[in-house]
Amino acid sequence: MALDSAARKEIIEKFARKEGDTGSPEVQIALLTGRIVYLTEHLKINVKDHSSRLGLLKLVGQRKRLLKYLKSKNYTKYQEVIKELNIRDK
């Protein structure tokens, strides 16, 4: 199980642009980051879980594409999001 509903709701409220916003790039990046952190911890314990590792790589790629999009559209918001989520900037 990746994120429980309470954690998802908290992340959505923190990064949403307005009430009920779940589709903005900021919210999607934050949710993906939560799942990536969870899977990273899972893979530290379960080293041979290769299917989860492939899923993790897909999530990282998806987050990378969303970050690239956000960077091109709204650079100041991009900087806020990567600072808040502790994501490295190339």
Protein backbone atom coordinates (compact mmCIF):
# COMPACT_ATOMS: atom_id res chain seq x y z
CA MET A 1 0.00 0.00 0.00
CA ALA A 2 1.53 3.27 -1.10
CA LEU A 3 -0.20 6.13 0.72
CA ASP A 4 -3.22 5.95 2.99
CA SER A 5 -6.11 8.32 2.37
CA ALA A 6 -5.21 10.61 5.27
CA ALA A 7 -1.67 11.13 3.93
CA ARG A 8 -3.00 11.75 0.41
CA LYS A 9 -5.53 14.27 1.71
CA GLU A 10 -2.86 16.11 3.69
CA ILE A 11 -0.55 16.33 0.65
CA ILE A 12 -3.39 17.52 -1.58
CA GLU A 13 -4.42 20.23 0.89
CA LYS A 14 -0.84 21.42 1.23
CA PHE A 15 -0.09 21.77 -2.50
CA ALA A 16 -3.52 22.47 -4.03
CA ARG A 17 -4.05 25.76 -5.82
CA LYS A 18 -7.69 25.92 -4.75
CA GLU A 19 -10.25 23.75 -2.96
CA GLY A 20 -10.67 20.36 -4.63
CA ASP A 21 -7.59 20.69 -6.83
CA THR A 22 -6.03 17.28 -7.45
CA GLY A 23 -4.77 17.62 -11.01
CA SER A 24 -2.33 20.50 -10.86
CA PRO A 25 1.31 19.60 -11.49
CA GLU A 26 2.27 20.62 -7.95
CA VAL A 27 -0.16 18.15 -6.39
CA GLN A 28 0.79 15.37 -8.79
CA ILE A 29 4.50 15.89 -8.10
CA ALA A 30 3.91 15.86 -4.35
CA LEU A 31 1.86 12.65 -4.51
CA LEU A 32 4.44 10.96 -6.71
CA THR A 33 7.18 12.02 -4.30
CA GLY A 34 5.30 10.42 -1.42
CA ARG A 35 4.99 7.16 -3.34
CA ILE A 36 8.66 7.31 -4.37
CA VAL A 37 9.78 7.75 -0.76
CA TYR A 38 7.59 4.85 0.33
CA LEU A 39 8.91 2.55 -2.40
CA THR A 40 12.50 3.54 -1.69
CA GLU A 41 12.11 2.51 1.93
CA HIS A 42 10.38 -0.70 0.86
CA LEU A 43 13.24 -1.58 -1.49
CA LYS A 44 15.84 -1.06 1.23
CA ILE A 45 14.21 -3.92 3.12
CA ASN A 46 13.13 -6.07 0.14
CA VAL A 47 16.20 -5.97 -2.08
CA LYS A 48 15.02 -8.68 -4.50
CA ASP A 49 11.64 -7.08 -5.28
CA HIS A 50 12.38 -6.26 -8.90
CA SER A 51 8.81 -5.53 -9.95
CA SER A 52 8.57 -2.76 -7.35
CA ARG A 53 11.92 -1.42 -8.55
CA LEU A 54 10.55 -1.13 -12.09
CA GLY A 55 7.47 0.63 -10.75
CA LEU A 56 9.71 3.02 -8.85
CA LEU A 57 11.62 3.86 -12.03
CA LYS A 58 8.34 4.59 -13.84
CA LEU A 59 7.24 6.90 -11.03
CA VAL A 60 10.56 8.75 -11.09
CA GLY A 61 10.27 9.24 -14.85
CA GLN A 62 6.72 10.52 -14.55
CA ARG A 63 7.74 12.96 -11.81
CA LYS A 64 10.67 14.12 -13.93
CA ARG A 65 8.35 14.91 -16.85
CA LEU A 66 5.96 16.82 -14.58
CA LEU A 67 8.86 18.80 -13.07
CA LYS A 68 10.09 19.69 -16.55
CA TYR A 69 6.61 20.88 -17.49
CA LEU A 70 6.23 22.94 -14.32
CA LYS A 71 9.69 24.45 -14.81
CA SER A 72 8.77 25.63 -18.32
CA LYS A 73 5.37 27.04 -17.30
CA ASN A 74 5.95 28.56 -13.84
CA TYR A 75 9.56 28.69 -12.69
CA THR A 76 8.87 30.32 -9.31
CA LYS A 77 6.32 27.64 -8.40
CA TYR A 78 8.82 25.00 -9.58
CA GLN A 79 11.44 26.36 -7.19
CA GLU A 80 8.96 26.37 -4.30
CA VAL A 81 7.91 22.77 -4.96
CA ILE A 82 11.44 21.34 -5.20
CA LYS A 83 12.47 23.21 -2.07
CA GLU A 84 9.44 21.98 -0.13
CA LEU A 85 9.87 18.36 -1.25
CA ASN A 86 13.69 18.31 -1.03
CA ILE A 87 14.14 17.35 -4.68
CA ARG A 88 17.48 18.04 -6.30
CA ASP A 89 17.58 20.43 -9.25
CA LYS A 90 19.90 19.72 -12.13
